[in-house]
Protein backbone atom coordinates (compact mmCIF):
# COMPACT_ATOMS: atom_id res chain seq x y z
CA MET A 1 0.00 0.00 0.00
CA SER A 2 1.44 3.33 -1.01
CA VAL A 3 0.26 6.09 1.28
CA SER A 4 1.03 9.79 1.46
CA PRO A 5 2.72 10.72 4.77
CA ASN A 6 -0.12 13.18 5.50
CA TRP A 7 -2.92 10.71 4.80
CA PRO A 8 -3.09 9.15 8.29
CA ARG A 9 -3.40 12.55 9.98
CA ARG A 10 -6.31 13.45 7.68
CA SER A 11 -8.05 10.10 8.17
CA PHE A 12 -7.70 9.28 11.86
CA HIS A 13 -9.02 10.90 15.02
CA GLN A 14 -6.31 12.09 17.39
CA GLY A 15 -7.48 9.40 19.85
CA ASN A 16 -6.30 6.80 17.35
CA ALA A 17 -2.78 8.23 17.18
CA ARG A 18 -1.03 4.87 17.50
CA ALA A 19 -2.94 3.42 14.56
CA SER A 20 -2.21 6.48 12.46
CA ARG A 21 1.49 5.51 12.28
CA PRO A 22 1.15 2.27 10.31
CA TRP A 23 4.79 1.82 9.39
CA ALA A 24 6.43 1.96 12.83
CA ASP A 25 6.29 -1.78 13.63
CA ARG A 26 4.18 -4.90 13.03
CA ARG A 27 1.79 -4.16 15.90
CA ASP A 28 1.24 -0.63 14.58
CA ARG A 29 0.51 -1.98 11.09
CA ILE A 30 -2.06 -4.38 12.51
CA SER A 31 -3.68 -1.52 14.48
CA PHE A 32 -3.69 0.67 11.36
CA PHE A 33 -5.36 -1.92 9.12
CA THR A 34 -7.79 -2.98 11.86
CA LEU A 35 -8.89 0.61 12.33
CA TRP A 36 -9.03 1.34 8.62
CA THR A 37 -11.08 -1.77 7.75
CA LEU A 38 -13.57 -0.93 10.53
CA LYS A 39 -13.92 2.66 9.29
CA GLU A 40 -14.30 1.43 5.72
CA ALA A 41 -16.95 -1.09 6.84
CA TYR A 42 -18.91 1.70 8.53
CA VAL A 43 -18.77 3.92 5.45
CA LYS A 44 -19.95 1.04 3.25
CA ALA A 45 -22.69 0.02 5.69
CA ARG A 46 -24.01 3.59 5.66
CA GLY A 47 -23.87 3.65 1.87
CA VAL A 48 -21.96 6.92 1.80
CA SER A 49 -18.71 7.81 0.12
CA LEU A 50 -15.41 8.54 1.77
CA SER A 51 -16.54 12.16 1.81
CA LEU A 52 -17.87 11.22 5.25
CA PRO A 53 -15.41 12.79 7.71
CA VAL A 54 -13.81 9.50 8.83
CA LYS A 55 -11.43 11.46 11.02
CA LYS A 56 -14.46 12.18 13.23
CA LEU A 57 -15.09 8.45 13.71
CA GLU A 58 -13.03 7.26 16.67
CA LEU A 59 -12.91 3.57 17.48
CA ASP A 60 -11.67 2.33 20.82
CA LEU A 61 -9.65 -0.78 19.94
CA GLU A 62 -8.54 -1.28 23.54
CA VAL A 63 -11.87 -2.92 24.35
CA SER A 64 -13.50 -5.92 22.72
CA PRO A 65 -15.69 -5.43 20.83
CA PRO A 66 -14.51 -1.98 19.65
CA ILE A 67 -16.66 0.97 20.70
CA ALA A 68 -17.33 3.87 18.34
CA HIS A 69 -17.48 7.57 19.16
CA PHE A 70 -18.76 9.96 16.49
CA GLY A 71 -17.92 13.64 16.20
CA ASP A 72 -20.71 16.15 15.62
CA GLU A 73 -20.00 16.08 11.87
CA ILE A 74 -21.31 12.49 11.65
CA ASP A 75 -25.10 12.51 11.76
CA ASP A 76 -25.61 9.12 13.38
CA ASP A 77 -25.92 7.44 16.78
CA ALA A 78 -22.76 5.46 17.56
CA SER A 79 -24.60 3.32 20.13
CA ARG A 80 -26.67 1.63 17.42
CA TRP A 81 -23.56 0.25 15.67
CA ALA A 82 -21.66 -2.95 16.37
CA PHE A 83 -18.08 -3.30 15.14
CA ARG A 84 -16.04 -6.47 14.84
CA SER A 85 -12.64 -7.20 13.40
CA LEU A 86 -11.42 -10.62 12.30
CA ARG A 87 -7.85 -11.54 11.43
CA LEU A 88 -8.33 -14.27 8.86
CA THR A 89 -4.62 -14.78 8.24
CA ASP A 90 -1.41 -12.95 9.05
CA ARG A 91 -2.06 -10.84 5.94
CA HIS A 92 -5.86 -10.44 5.96
CA ILE A 93 -8.08 -8.42 8.30
CA VAL A 94 -11.83 -8.05 7.86
CA GLY A 95 -13.76 -5.17 9.39
CA ILE A 96 -17.49 -5.49 10.05
CA ALA A 97 -19.90 -2.69 10.93
CA ALA A 98 -23.58 -3.46 11.45
CA ALA A 99 -26.46 -1.27 12.56
CA MET A 100 -28.10 -3.11 15.44
CA PRO A 101 -31.64 -2.01 16.29
CA ASP A 102 -31.51 -4.39 19.27
CA GLY A 103 -29.66 -7.48 20.33
CA GLU A 104 -26.05 -8.50 19.89
CA LEU A 105 -23.97 -9.07 16.81
CA GLU A 106 -22.77 -12.64 16.58
CA ILE A 107 -20.20 -13.57 13.97
CA VAL A 108 -19.34 -17.18 13.33
CA PRO A 109 -16.26 -17.52 11.12
CA ARG A 110 -16.21 -20.54 8.84
CA ARG A 111 -13.29 -22.08 7.07
CA THR A 112 -12.99 -20.71 3.56
CA ARG A 113 -11.02 -21.60 0.49
CA ALA A 114 -9.74 -19.50 -2.38
CA ILE A 115 -12.06 -19.46 -5.39
CA ASN A 116 -9.20 -18.72 -7.81
CA PRO A 117 -6.04 -20.04 -6.09
CA SER A 118 -3.85 -19.06 -9.05
CA LEU A 119 -4.72 -15.39 -8.44
CA HIS A 120 -3.51 -15.44 -4.82
CA VAL A 121 0.11 -14.64 -4.17
């Protein structure tokens, strides 16, 4: 992934400072991609473009499951959203965001296989 040095500062809330330095070490890279995939999942679940001010979406990754906090610029109620992150392999992280009118989000990972193995490096 090729990223401008200023991109993390524009995309992450100051509360997610550790994750905004993805190249420092392996743990920081995992935090970066975990945070980014969760933010991307939220944007996709809302059906809005990345014009949504993702910097105003703070996710607390220190608790499990992650808890969201939205800035005033995001017209939504953070308490209605459930976020989950799954590390499928050492190189693959999946972020899930689901609006939950009530109840809990339960995710049951299943074993998967590549559809086109020749395309995977």
